[in-house]
N, C-alpha and C. Protein backbone atom coordinates (compact mmCIF):
# COMPACT_ATOMS: atom_id res chain seq x y z
N MET A 1 -14.61 -56.79 93.43
CA MET A 1 -14.29 -57.48 94.67
C MET A 1 -15.27 -57.12 95.78
N ALA A 2 -15.47 -55.81 95.96
CA ALA A 2 -16.36 -55.35 97.03
C ALA A 2 -17.78 -55.87 96.81
N ASN A 3 -18.22 -55.88 95.56
CA ASN A 3 -19.59 -56.33 95.29
C ASN A 3 -19.73 -57.83 95.48
N ARG A 4 -18.69 -58.58 95.13
CA ARG A 4 -18.72 -60.03 95.35
C ARG A 4 -18.80 -60.33 96.85
N LEU A 5 -18.01 -59.62 97.64
CA LEU A 5 -18.00 -59.86 99.08
C LEU A 5 -19.30 -59.38 99.74
N PHE A 6 -19.88 -58.31 99.19
CA PHE A 6 -21.15 -57.83 99.71
C PHE A 6 -22.23 -58.88 99.46
N ALA A 7 -22.23 -59.48 98.27
CA ALA A 7 -23.20 -60.54 97.97
C ALA A 7 -23.04 -61.71 98.92
N GLU A 8 -21.79 -62.09 99.20
CA GLU A 8 -21.55 -63.19 100.14
C GLU A 8 -22.05 -62.84 101.54
N ALA A 9 -21.83 -61.61 101.96
CA ALA A 9 -22.27 -61.18 103.29
C ALA A 9 -23.79 -61.18 103.39
N LEU A 10 -24.47 -60.79 102.31
CA LEU A 10 -25.93 -60.80 102.32
C LEU A 10 -26.45 -62.24 102.37
N ASP A 11 -25.80 -63.14 101.64
CA ASP A 11 -26.18 -64.56 101.72
C ASP A 11 -26.09 -65.06 103.15
N GLU A 12 -25.03 -64.66 103.86
CA GLU A 12 -24.84 -65.09 105.25
C GLU A 12 -25.92 -64.55 106.17
N LEU A 13 -26.49 -63.39 105.80
CA LEU A 13 -27.59 -62.83 106.59
C LEU A 13 -28.92 -63.53 106.30
N GLY A 14 -28.94 -64.35 105.25
CA GLY A 14 -30.18 -65.00 104.85
C GLY A 14 -30.89 -64.28 103.72
N LEU A 15 -30.26 -63.26 103.17
CA LEU A 15 -30.83 -62.53 102.03
C LEU A 15 -30.03 -62.95 100.80
N VAL A 16 -30.46 -64.02 100.16
CA VAL A 16 -29.71 -64.58 99.03
C VAL A 16 -29.73 -63.57 97.88
N THR A 17 -28.54 -63.12 97.50
CA THR A 17 -28.41 -62.06 96.51
C THR A 17 -27.22 -62.38 95.61
N SER A 18 -27.43 -62.32 94.31
CA SER A 18 -26.34 -62.61 93.38
C SER A 18 -25.43 -61.41 93.22
N TYR A 19 -24.25 -61.67 92.70
CA TYR A 19 -23.31 -60.59 92.38
C TYR A 19 -23.96 -59.59 91.42
N GLU A 20 -24.68 -60.10 90.42
CA GLU A 20 -25.33 -59.24 89.44
C GLU A 20 -26.38 -58.35 90.09
N GLU A 21 -27.11 -58.90 91.05
CA GLU A 21 -28.12 -58.11 91.75
C GLU A 21 -27.48 -57.02 92.61
N VAL A 22 -26.36 -57.35 93.24
CA VAL A 22 -25.65 -56.33 94.01
C VAL A 22 -25.20 -55.19 93.11
N CYS A 23 -24.63 -55.55 91.96
CA CYS A 23 -24.18 -54.52 91.02
C CYS A 23 -25.35 -53.65 90.56
N ARG A 24 -26.48 -54.28 90.31
CA ARG A 24 -27.65 -53.53 89.82
C ARG A 24 -28.24 -52.61 90.89
N ASP A 25 -28.30 -53.10 92.13
CA ASP A 25 -29.08 -52.40 93.16
C ASP A 25 -28.27 -51.52 94.11
N PHE A 26 -26.94 -51.76 94.21
CA PHE A 26 -26.19 -51.09 95.27
C PHE A 26 -25.01 -50.25 94.81
N ILE A 27 -24.47 -50.50 93.61
CA ILE A 27 -23.30 -49.74 93.17
C ILE A 27 -23.64 -48.25 93.13
N GLY A 28 -22.75 -47.45 93.68
CA GLY A 28 -22.91 -46.01 93.66
C GLY A 28 -23.58 -45.43 94.89
N LEU A 29 -24.14 -46.28 95.75
CA LEU A 29 -24.82 -45.81 96.95
C LEU A 29 -23.87 -45.82 98.14
N THR A 30 -24.17 -44.99 99.13
CA THR A 30 -23.39 -45.03 100.36
C THR A 30 -23.69 -46.32 101.10
N MET A 31 -22.79 -46.75 101.97
CA MET A 31 -23.03 -47.95 102.74
C MET A 31 -24.25 -47.78 103.64
N MET A 32 -24.46 -46.57 104.16
CA MET A 32 -25.63 -46.34 104.99
C MET A 32 -26.92 -46.60 104.21
N ARG A 33 -26.95 -46.14 102.98
CA ARG A 33 -28.13 -46.36 102.14
C ARG A 33 -28.26 -47.84 101.79
N CYS A 34 -27.15 -48.50 101.52
CA CYS A 34 -27.18 -49.94 101.24
C CYS A 34 -27.78 -50.71 102.41
N VAL A 35 -27.36 -50.36 103.62
CA VAL A 35 -27.86 -51.05 104.81
C VAL A 35 -29.36 -50.81 104.97
N GLU A 36 -29.81 -49.60 104.70
CA GLU A 36 -31.25 -49.31 104.77
C GLU A 36 -32.04 -50.22 103.83
N ILE A 37 -31.55 -50.39 102.63
CA ILE A 37 -32.23 -51.24 101.65
C ILE A 37 -32.21 -52.69 102.11
N VAL A 38 -31.06 -53.15 102.60
CA VAL A 38 -30.92 -54.53 103.07
C VAL A 38 -31.89 -54.79 104.23
N GLU A 39 -31.95 -53.88 105.18
CA GLU A 39 -32.82 -54.07 106.34
C GLU A 39 -34.29 -54.08 105.93
N ARG A 40 -34.65 -53.27 104.96
CA ARG A 40 -36.03 -53.28 104.48
C ARG A 40 -36.35 -54.63 103.84
N ARG A 41 -35.42 -55.17 103.07
CA ARG A 41 -35.66 -56.45 102.40
C ARG A 41 -35.66 -57.61 103.40
N LEU A 42 -34.79 -57.50 104.40
CA LEU A 42 -34.73 -58.55 105.42
C LEU A 42 -35.92 -58.51 106.36
N GLY A 43 -36.44 -57.30 106.59
CA GLY A 43 -37.49 -57.12 107.58
C GLY A 43 -36.96 -57.05 109.00
N ARG A 44 -35.67 -56.84 109.13
CA ARG A 44 -35.04 -56.72 110.46
C ARG A 44 -33.71 -55.99 110.32
N ALA A 45 -33.16 -55.59 111.45
CA ALA A 45 -31.88 -54.88 111.44
C ALA A 45 -30.74 -55.87 111.18
N VAL A 46 -29.70 -55.37 110.55
CA VAL A 46 -28.49 -56.19 110.40
C VAL A 46 -27.74 -56.17 111.73
N PRO A 47 -26.86 -57.14 111.98
CA PRO A 47 -26.08 -57.12 113.23
C PRO A 47 -25.27 -55.83 113.35
N ASP A 48 -25.02 -55.42 114.58
CA ASP A 48 -24.32 -54.17 114.85
C ASP A 48 -22.95 -54.12 114.18
N ASP A 49 -22.30 -55.27 114.07
CA ASP A 49 -20.95 -55.29 113.51
C ASP A 49 -20.92 -55.67 112.03
N PHE A 50 -22.08 -55.67 111.36
CA PHE A 50 -22.15 -56.09 109.96
C PHE A 50 -21.23 -55.27 109.07
N VAL A 51 -21.35 -53.96 109.15
CA VAL A 51 -20.56 -53.09 108.27
C VAL A 51 -19.08 -53.21 108.61
N GLU A 52 -18.75 -53.27 109.88
CA GLU A 52 -17.35 -53.38 110.29
C GLU A 52 -16.72 -54.67 109.77
N ARG A 53 -17.43 -55.79 109.90
CA ARG A 53 -16.90 -57.07 109.42
C ARG A 53 -16.77 -57.08 107.90
N LEU A 54 -17.77 -56.54 107.23
CA LEU A 54 -17.72 -56.48 105.77
C LEU A 54 -16.55 -55.62 105.30
N GLN A 55 -16.36 -54.49 105.95
CA GLN A 55 -15.25 -53.61 105.57
C GLN A 55 -13.91 -54.29 105.79
N ARG A 56 -13.77 -55.01 106.89
CA ARG A 56 -12.52 -55.69 107.18
C ARG A 56 -12.22 -56.75 106.10
N ARG A 57 -13.22 -57.54 105.73
CA ARG A 57 -13.03 -58.55 104.69
C ARG A 57 -12.71 -57.89 103.34
N THR A 58 -13.39 -56.79 103.06
CA THR A 58 -13.18 -56.11 101.78
C THR A 58 -11.78 -55.52 101.70
N PHE A 59 -11.36 -54.87 102.76
CA PHE A 59 -10.02 -54.27 102.77
C PHE A 59 -8.93 -55.33 102.66
N GLU A 60 -9.15 -56.49 103.30
CA GLU A 60 -8.17 -57.58 103.19
C GLU A 60 -8.08 -58.06 101.74
N ALA A 61 -9.22 -58.18 101.08
CA ALA A 61 -9.22 -58.60 99.68
C ALA A 61 -8.54 -57.55 98.81
N PHE A 62 -8.81 -56.28 99.07
CA PHE A 62 -8.16 -55.22 98.31
C PHE A 62 -6.64 -55.34 98.41
N ARG A 63 -6.15 -55.55 99.63
CA ARG A 63 -4.69 -55.61 99.83
C ARG A 63 -4.06 -56.77 99.07
N CYS A 64 -4.84 -57.81 98.83
CA CYS A 64 -4.30 -58.98 98.11
C CYS A 64 -4.49 -58.89 96.61
N GLU A 65 -5.58 -58.29 96.16
CA GLU A 65 -5.98 -58.45 94.76
C GLU A 65 -6.18 -57.17 93.97
N LEU A 66 -6.32 -56.03 94.62
CA LEU A 66 -6.77 -54.83 93.91
C LEU A 66 -5.75 -54.35 92.88
N ARG A 67 -6.24 -54.02 91.71
CA ARG A 67 -5.43 -53.42 90.64
C ARG A 67 -6.18 -52.23 90.08
N ALA A 68 -5.44 -51.29 89.52
CA ALA A 68 -6.07 -50.12 88.91
C ALA A 68 -6.87 -50.54 87.68
N VAL A 69 -7.89 -49.76 87.37
CA VAL A 69 -8.65 -49.95 86.13
C VAL A 69 -7.67 -49.88 84.95
N ARG A 70 -7.84 -50.79 84.03
CA ARG A 70 -6.97 -50.85 82.86
C ARG A 70 -6.92 -49.50 82.13
N GLY A 71 -5.72 -48.97 81.96
CA GLY A 71 -5.53 -47.76 81.17
C GLY A 71 -5.76 -46.45 81.90
N VAL A 72 -6.17 -46.50 83.18
CA VAL A 72 -6.54 -45.24 83.84
C VAL A 72 -5.33 -44.36 84.14
N ALA A 73 -4.19 -44.95 84.48
CA ALA A 73 -3.01 -44.13 84.78
C ALA A 73 -2.57 -43.33 83.55
N ASP A 74 -2.53 -43.98 82.41
CA ASP A 74 -2.15 -43.28 81.18
C ASP A 74 -3.18 -42.22 80.81
N ALA A 75 -4.46 -42.55 81.00
CA ALA A 75 -5.51 -41.57 80.69
C ALA A 75 -5.36 -40.33 81.55
N LEU A 76 -5.06 -40.50 82.82
CA LEU A 76 -4.90 -39.35 83.72
C LEU A 76 -3.73 -38.47 83.29
N LYS A 77 -2.68 -39.09 82.80
CA LYS A 77 -1.54 -38.30 82.33
C LYS A 77 -1.92 -37.41 81.15
N ARG A 78 -2.87 -37.86 80.34
CA ARG A 78 -3.25 -37.14 79.13
C ARG A 78 -4.37 -36.13 79.35
N ILE A 79 -5.02 -36.18 80.50
CA ILE A 79 -6.12 -35.24 80.78
C ILE A 79 -5.52 -33.95 81.35
N GLU A 80 -5.76 -32.84 80.69
CA GLU A 80 -5.15 -31.58 81.08
C GLU A 80 -5.94 -30.85 82.16
N ALA A 81 -7.23 -31.14 82.29
CA ALA A 81 -8.07 -30.46 83.27
C ALA A 81 -7.74 -30.92 84.69
N GLN A 82 -8.17 -30.13 85.67
CA GLN A 82 -8.07 -30.56 87.07
C GLN A 82 -8.90 -31.83 87.26
N VAL A 83 -8.44 -32.70 88.13
CA VAL A 83 -9.18 -33.92 88.42
C VAL A 83 -9.34 -34.09 89.93
N CYS A 84 -10.41 -34.75 90.33
CA CYS A 84 -10.64 -35.06 91.74
C CYS A 84 -11.43 -36.36 91.81
N VAL A 85 -11.61 -36.87 93.01
CA VAL A 85 -12.45 -38.04 93.25
C VAL A 85 -13.62 -37.60 94.12
N ALA A 86 -14.84 -37.95 93.69
CA ALA A 86 -16.04 -37.68 94.47
C ALA A 86 -16.77 -39.01 94.61
N SER A 87 -16.62 -39.65 95.75
CA SER A 87 -17.02 -41.05 95.92
C SER A 87 -18.05 -41.24 97.03
N SER A 88 -18.89 -42.24 96.85
CA SER A 88 -19.81 -42.63 97.91
C SER A 88 -19.07 -43.28 99.08
N GLY A 89 -17.85 -43.71 98.84
CA GLY A 89 -17.06 -44.36 99.89
C GLY A 89 -16.49 -43.37 100.89
N GLU A 90 -16.09 -43.89 102.03
CA GLU A 90 -15.44 -43.08 103.06
C GLU A 90 -14.01 -42.75 102.65
N HIS A 91 -13.45 -41.74 103.29
CA HIS A 91 -12.07 -41.35 102.98
C HIS A 91 -11.09 -42.50 103.20
N GLU A 92 -11.31 -43.29 104.25
CA GLU A 92 -10.41 -44.41 104.54
C GLU A 92 -10.36 -45.38 103.36
N LYS A 93 -11.51 -45.67 102.78
CA LYS A 93 -11.57 -46.59 101.64
C LYS A 93 -10.89 -45.97 100.42
N MET A 94 -11.18 -44.70 100.15
CA MET A 94 -10.56 -44.05 98.99
C MET A 94 -9.04 -44.05 99.11
N ARG A 95 -8.54 -43.70 100.28
CA ARG A 95 -7.09 -43.61 100.45
C ARG A 95 -6.45 -44.99 100.33
N LEU A 96 -7.13 -46.02 100.82
CA LEU A 96 -6.60 -47.38 100.69
C LEU A 96 -6.56 -47.81 99.23
N THR A 97 -7.69 -47.69 98.52
CA THR A 97 -7.74 -48.19 97.15
C THR A 97 -6.84 -47.38 96.22
N LEU A 98 -6.85 -46.07 96.35
CA LEU A 98 -5.98 -45.26 95.50
C LEU A 98 -4.51 -45.48 95.85
N GLY A 99 -4.23 -45.70 97.13
CA GLY A 99 -2.86 -45.98 97.54
C GLY A 99 -2.37 -47.30 96.99
N LEU A 100 -3.19 -48.34 97.08
CA LEU A 100 -2.80 -49.67 96.60
C LEU A 100 -2.58 -49.68 95.09
N THR A 101 -3.30 -48.85 94.37
CA THR A 101 -3.18 -48.82 92.90
C THR A 101 -2.18 -47.79 92.41
N GLY A 102 -1.55 -47.06 93.34
CA GLY A 102 -0.55 -46.08 92.95
C GLY A 102 -1.11 -44.77 92.42
N LEU A 103 -2.41 -44.56 92.60
CA LEU A 103 -3.05 -43.37 92.05
C LEU A 103 -3.23 -42.24 93.06
N LEU A 104 -3.00 -42.51 94.33
CA LEU A 104 -3.27 -41.51 95.36
C LEU A 104 -2.54 -40.18 95.11
N PRO A 105 -1.25 -40.18 94.72
CA PRO A 105 -0.58 -38.90 94.51
C PRO A 105 -1.26 -38.01 93.47
N ARG A 106 -1.97 -38.60 92.54
CA ARG A 106 -2.65 -37.82 91.51
C ARG A 106 -3.87 -37.09 92.05
N PHE A 107 -4.38 -37.54 93.20
CA PHE A 107 -5.61 -36.97 93.75
C PHE A 107 -5.43 -36.40 95.15
N GLU A 108 -4.22 -36.41 95.66
CA GLU A 108 -3.98 -35.96 97.03
C GLU A 108 -4.54 -34.55 97.22
N GLY A 109 -5.32 -34.40 98.31
CA GLY A 109 -5.94 -33.11 98.60
C GLY A 109 -7.20 -32.84 97.81
N ARG A 110 -7.60 -33.78 96.96
CA ARG A 110 -8.79 -33.58 96.12
C ARG A 110 -9.67 -34.82 96.17
N LEU A 111 -9.89 -35.31 97.39
CA LEU A 111 -10.77 -36.46 97.63
C LEU A 111 -12.01 -35.96 98.37
N PHE A 112 -13.19 -36.26 97.83
CA PHE A 112 -14.44 -35.81 98.42
C PHE A 112 -15.36 -37.00 98.60
N SER A 113 -15.92 -37.12 99.79
CA SER A 113 -16.74 -38.27 100.16
C SER A 113 -18.18 -37.85 100.41
N ALA A 114 -19.10 -38.77 100.13
CA ALA A 114 -20.51 -38.52 100.42
C ALA A 114 -20.74 -38.29 101.90
N SER A 115 -19.79 -38.71 102.74
CA SER A 115 -19.92 -38.46 104.18
C SER A 115 -19.84 -36.97 104.51
N GLU A 116 -19.40 -36.16 103.56
CA GLU A 116 -19.27 -34.72 103.77
C GLU A 116 -20.53 -33.94 103.42
N VAL A 117 -21.52 -34.60 102.84
CA VAL A 117 -22.73 -33.91 102.42
C VAL A 117 -23.96 -34.58 103.02
N GLU A 118 -25.09 -33.89 102.91
CA GLU A 118 -26.31 -34.40 103.53
C GLU A 118 -26.86 -35.62 102.81
N ARG A 119 -26.81 -35.57 101.47
CA ARG A 119 -27.41 -36.65 100.68
C ARG A 119 -26.39 -37.20 99.70
N GLY A 120 -26.35 -38.52 99.60
CA GLY A 120 -25.45 -39.15 98.64
C GLY A 120 -26.11 -39.28 97.27
N LYS A 121 -25.40 -39.93 96.35
CA LYS A 121 -25.95 -40.20 95.03
C LYS A 121 -27.21 -41.07 95.17
N PRO A 122 -28.24 -40.82 94.38
CA PRO A 122 -28.33 -40.08 93.13
C PRO A 122 -28.59 -38.58 93.26
N HIS A 123 -28.55 -38.05 94.48
CA HIS A 123 -28.70 -36.60 94.65
C HIS A 123 -27.41 -35.91 94.20
N PRO A 124 -27.49 -34.65 93.81
CA PRO A 124 -26.32 -33.96 93.25
C PRO A 124 -25.35 -33.40 94.29
N ASP A 125 -25.67 -33.53 95.57
CA ASP A 125 -24.93 -32.83 96.63
C ASP A 125 -23.42 -33.04 96.57
N LEU A 126 -22.99 -34.29 96.40
CA LEU A 126 -21.57 -34.60 96.44
C LEU A 126 -20.83 -33.93 95.28
N PHE A 127 -21.38 -34.02 94.09
CA PHE A 127 -20.71 -33.43 92.93
C PHE A 127 -20.69 -31.90 93.02
N LEU A 128 -21.75 -31.31 93.52
CA LEU A 128 -21.77 -29.86 93.69
C LEU A 128 -20.76 -29.43 94.75
N HIS A 129 -20.63 -30.23 95.80
CA HIS A 129 -19.63 -29.96 96.85
C HIS A 129 -18.23 -30.03 96.27
N ALA A 130 -17.95 -31.05 95.48
CA ALA A 130 -16.63 -31.20 94.87
C ALA A 130 -16.34 -30.03 93.93
N ALA A 131 -17.32 -29.65 93.13
CA ALA A 131 -17.13 -28.53 92.21
C ALA A 131 -16.83 -27.23 92.96
N GLU A 132 -17.56 -27.03 94.05
CA GLU A 132 -17.33 -25.82 94.84
C GLU A 132 -15.92 -25.82 95.42
N ARG A 133 -15.50 -26.95 95.96
CA ARG A 133 -14.16 -27.04 96.55
C ARG A 133 -13.07 -26.89 95.49
N MET A 134 -13.35 -27.32 94.29
CA MET A 134 -12.39 -27.21 93.19
C MET A 134 -12.48 -25.86 92.49
N ALA A 135 -13.47 -25.04 92.90
CA ALA A 135 -13.68 -23.70 92.34
C ALA A 135 -13.94 -23.75 90.84
N VAL A 136 -14.78 -24.70 90.43
CA VAL A 136 -15.15 -24.86 89.03
C VAL A 136 -16.68 -24.86 88.94
N PRO A 137 -17.29 -24.03 88.08
CA PRO A 137 -18.74 -24.04 87.93
C PRO A 137 -19.24 -25.42 87.50
N PRO A 138 -20.40 -25.85 88.00
CA PRO A 138 -20.91 -27.18 87.63
C PRO A 138 -21.01 -27.41 86.13
N ASP A 139 -21.39 -26.38 85.37
CA ASP A 139 -21.54 -26.60 83.94
C ASP A 139 -20.21 -26.71 83.20
N ARG A 140 -19.11 -26.55 83.93
CA ARG A 140 -17.77 -26.75 83.37
C ARG A 140 -17.15 -28.05 83.86
N CYS A 141 -17.95 -28.85 84.57
CA CYS A 141 -17.45 -30.11 85.14
C CYS A 141 -17.89 -31.30 84.30
N ALA A 142 -17.02 -32.30 84.23
CA ALA A 142 -17.34 -33.58 83.62
C ALA A 142 -17.15 -34.66 84.67
N VAL A 143 -18.11 -35.55 84.77
CA VAL A 143 -18.08 -36.63 85.74
C VAL A 143 -17.88 -37.95 85.01
N VAL A 144 -17.00 -38.79 85.52
CA VAL A 144 -16.80 -40.14 84.99
C VAL A 144 -17.40 -41.11 86.01
N GLU A 145 -18.37 -41.89 85.59
CA GLU A 145 -19.13 -42.75 86.50
C GLU A 145 -19.30 -44.14 85.92
N ASP A 146 -19.46 -45.12 86.81
CA ASP A 146 -19.80 -46.47 86.35
C ASP A 146 -21.09 -46.96 86.97
N SER A 147 -21.83 -46.06 87.64
CA SER A 147 -23.06 -46.47 88.31
C SER A 147 -24.23 -45.61 87.88
N LEU A 148 -25.41 -46.18 87.91
CA LEU A 148 -26.62 -45.43 87.58
C LEU A 148 -26.86 -44.29 88.57
N PRO A 149 -26.76 -44.52 89.91
CA PRO A 149 -26.94 -43.39 90.82
C PRO A 149 -25.95 -42.25 90.55
N GLY A 150 -24.73 -42.60 90.18
CA GLY A 150 -23.73 -41.58 89.89
C GLY A 150 -24.07 -40.77 88.65
N VAL A 151 -24.55 -41.44 87.61
CA VAL A 151 -24.95 -40.74 86.40
C VAL A 151 -26.12 -39.80 86.70
N LEU A 152 -27.09 -40.29 87.45
CA LEU A 152 -28.23 -39.46 87.81
C LEU A 152 -27.81 -38.26 88.65
N ALA A 153 -26.86 -38.47 89.55
CA ALA A 153 -26.37 -37.37 90.39
C ALA A 153 -25.67 -36.31 89.55
N ALA A 154 -24.85 -36.75 88.61
CA ALA A 154 -24.14 -35.81 87.75
C ALA A 154 -25.11 -35.00 86.90
N ARG A 155 -26.11 -35.68 86.35
CA ARG A 155 -27.11 -34.98 85.55
C ARG A 155 -27.87 -33.97 86.40
N ALA A 156 -28.23 -34.36 87.62
CA ALA A 156 -28.95 -33.44 88.51
C ALA A 156 -28.10 -32.24 88.90
N ALA A 157 -26.78 -32.42 88.89
CA ALA A 157 -25.86 -31.33 89.22
C ALA A 157 -25.60 -30.42 88.03
N GLY A 158 -26.14 -30.77 86.86
CA GLY A 158 -25.93 -29.96 85.66
C GLY A 158 -24.57 -30.16 85.03
N MET A 159 -23.98 -31.34 85.24
CA MET A 159 -22.66 -31.65 84.72
C MET A 159 -22.76 -32.64 83.57
N SER A 160 -21.80 -32.60 82.66
CA SER A 160 -21.74 -33.64 81.65
C SER A 160 -21.23 -34.92 82.32
N VAL A 161 -21.66 -36.05 81.80
CA VAL A 161 -21.30 -37.31 82.47
C VAL A 161 -20.93 -38.37 81.44
N TYR A 162 -19.85 -39.08 81.74
CA TYR A 162 -19.30 -40.14 80.90
C TYR A 162 -19.44 -41.45 81.66
N GLY A 163 -20.12 -42.41 81.04
CA GLY A 163 -20.39 -43.68 81.70
C GLY A 163 -19.38 -44.73 81.31
N TYR A 164 -18.53 -45.12 82.27
CA TYR A 164 -17.52 -46.15 82.01
C TYR A 164 -18.18 -47.51 82.14
N ALA A 165 -18.26 -48.24 81.03
CA ALA A 165 -19.10 -49.43 80.99
C ALA A 165 -18.34 -50.72 80.73
N GLU A 166 -17.04 -50.78 81.04
CA GLU A 166 -16.31 -52.03 80.83
C GLU A 166 -16.94 -53.17 81.64
N ARG A 167 -17.39 -52.85 82.86
CA ARG A 167 -18.01 -53.88 83.71
C ARG A 167 -19.40 -53.46 84.18
N SER A 168 -19.97 -52.44 83.55
CA SER A 168 -21.29 -51.96 83.94
C SER A 168 -22.26 -52.15 82.77
N ASP A 169 -23.54 -51.93 83.06
CA ASP A 169 -24.58 -52.06 82.05
C ASP A 169 -24.59 -50.79 81.19
N ALA A 170 -24.03 -50.88 80.00
CA ALA A 170 -23.89 -49.70 79.14
C ALA A 170 -25.24 -49.07 78.82
N GLU A 171 -26.26 -49.88 78.60
CA GLU A 171 -27.56 -49.33 78.21
C GLU A 171 -28.19 -48.55 79.36
N ARG A 172 -28.04 -49.05 80.59
CA ARG A 172 -28.58 -48.32 81.75
C ARG A 172 -27.89 -46.96 81.88
N LEU A 173 -26.58 -46.93 81.71
CA LEU A 173 -25.86 -45.66 81.81
C LEU A 173 -26.26 -44.72 80.68
N ARG A 174 -26.37 -45.26 79.47
CA ARG A 174 -26.73 -44.44 78.31
C ARG A 174 -28.14 -43.88 78.46
N SER A 175 -29.08 -44.72 78.89
CA SER A 175 -30.47 -44.28 79.00
C SER A 175 -30.63 -43.21 80.07
N ALA A 176 -29.71 -43.17 81.03
CA ALA A 176 -29.76 -42.14 82.08
C ALA A 176 -29.09 -40.85 81.64
N GLY A 177 -28.47 -40.86 80.45
CA GLY A 177 -27.92 -39.62 79.91
C GLY A 177 -26.41 -39.56 79.83
N ALA A 178 -25.73 -40.68 80.04
CA ALA A 178 -24.27 -40.68 79.99
C ALA A 178 -23.77 -40.88 78.57
N ILE A 179 -22.61 -40.31 78.29
CA ILE A 179 -21.86 -40.63 77.09
C ILE A 179 -21.04 -41.87 77.44
N VAL A 180 -21.35 -42.98 76.81
CA VAL A 180 -20.83 -44.28 77.25
C VAL A 180 -19.54 -44.62 76.50
N PHE A 181 -18.58 -45.16 77.27
CA PHE A 181 -17.33 -45.66 76.68
C PHE A 181 -16.88 -46.85 77.51
N ASP A 182 -16.01 -47.69 76.93
CA ASP A 182 -15.60 -48.90 77.66
C ASP A 182 -14.09 -49.10 77.69
N ASP A 183 -13.35 -48.05 77.34
CA ASP A 183 -11.89 -48.14 77.33
C ASP A 183 -11.34 -46.80 77.81
N MET A 184 -10.59 -46.82 78.91
CA MET A 184 -10.06 -45.58 79.48
C MET A 184 -9.16 -44.83 78.51
N ALA A 185 -8.60 -45.53 77.54
CA ALA A 185 -7.75 -44.86 76.56
C ALA A 185 -8.54 -43.84 75.74
N ARG A 186 -9.86 -44.02 75.66
CA ARG A 186 -10.71 -43.11 74.90
C ARG A 186 -11.07 -41.86 75.70
N LEU A 187 -10.95 -41.91 77.02
CA LEU A 187 -11.49 -40.83 77.85
C LEU A 187 -10.88 -39.46 77.56
N PRO A 188 -9.55 -39.32 77.48
CA PRO A 188 -9.01 -37.98 77.21
C PRO A 188 -9.56 -37.36 75.93
N GLY A 189 -9.71 -38.15 74.88
CA GLY A 189 -10.26 -37.63 73.64
C GLY A 189 -11.72 -37.23 73.77
N LEU A 190 -12.49 -38.01 74.51
CA LEU A 190 -13.90 -37.68 74.72
C LEU A 190 -14.05 -36.37 75.50
N LEU A 191 -13.19 -36.19 76.51
CA LEU A 191 -13.26 -34.96 77.29
C LEU A 191 -12.83 -33.75 76.46
N ALA A 192 -11.85 -33.92 75.62
CA ALA A 192 -11.36 -32.82 74.79
C ALA A 192 -12.33 -32.47 73.66
N HIS A 193 -13.02 -33.49 73.15
CA HIS A 193 -13.95 -33.29 72.02
C HIS A 193 -15.24 -34.05 72.30
N PRO A 194 -16.11 -33.51 73.16
CA PRO A 194 -17.33 -34.24 73.52
C PRO A 194 -18.21 -34.49 72.29
N PRO A 195 -18.71 -35.71 72.15
CA PRO A 195 -19.60 -36.00 71.04
C PRO A 195 -20.97 -35.35 71.24
N ALA A 196 -21.66 -35.06 70.17
CA ALA A 196 -23.02 -34.54 70.26
C ALA A 196 -23.92 -35.64 70.81
N PRO A 197 -25.00 -35.26 71.52
CA PRO A 197 -25.90 -36.27 72.11
C PRO A 197 -26.40 -37.30 71.11
N ALA A 198 -26.67 -36.87 69.87
CA ALA A 198 -27.20 -37.82 68.89
C ALA A 198 -26.17 -38.85 68.46
N GLY A 199 -24.91 -38.57 68.75
CA GLY A 199 -23.86 -39.48 68.31
C GLY A 199 -23.24 -40.25 69.44
N LEU A 200 -24.00 -40.51 70.50
CA LEU A 200 -23.44 -41.26 71.62
C LEU A 200 -22.93 -42.61 71.12
N PRO A 201 -21.73 -42.99 71.59
CA PRO A 201 -21.18 -44.29 71.15
C PRO A 201 -22.04 -45.45 71.61
């Protein structure tokens, strides 16, 4: 939803961009970084209220249409390790989306945003910050990601990374070093028994 609306907003700015291009170029990045890229491509600044208007439209769509990823609630019940969210999004967005999908209680007090660190994904700062706050060494952490910048950030942090590819480019995630899967029902088993690199699905 967010990517579809972002593509529409870019079209309105005169930067014709498809949904597929938005997914390829912007997923996993902070909004600040997205705006930097957009302004470079446009050759001018976006309007002062661009981000505010886009966020308002996106949040309205979330309230009408947002649903949890298929199978994620059951997967979380089966994962015995501590879990947290480390997102490029702001806390307001995380709390809204997790609240609308009924997942917020599972992560309450364990939400970490790129706004808390100097550099967002693909840099490792956010994941290292989350690991520190969770008191878990990076090499004992597993990251679940659906974006290339996120996979690169996890790898840079020295963490194992699982690429959720139901709606992402599986080959891009795999080539960046992720263990790729496309069904959340598989995640608990993958975390409990990680496959060897040569046997990536």
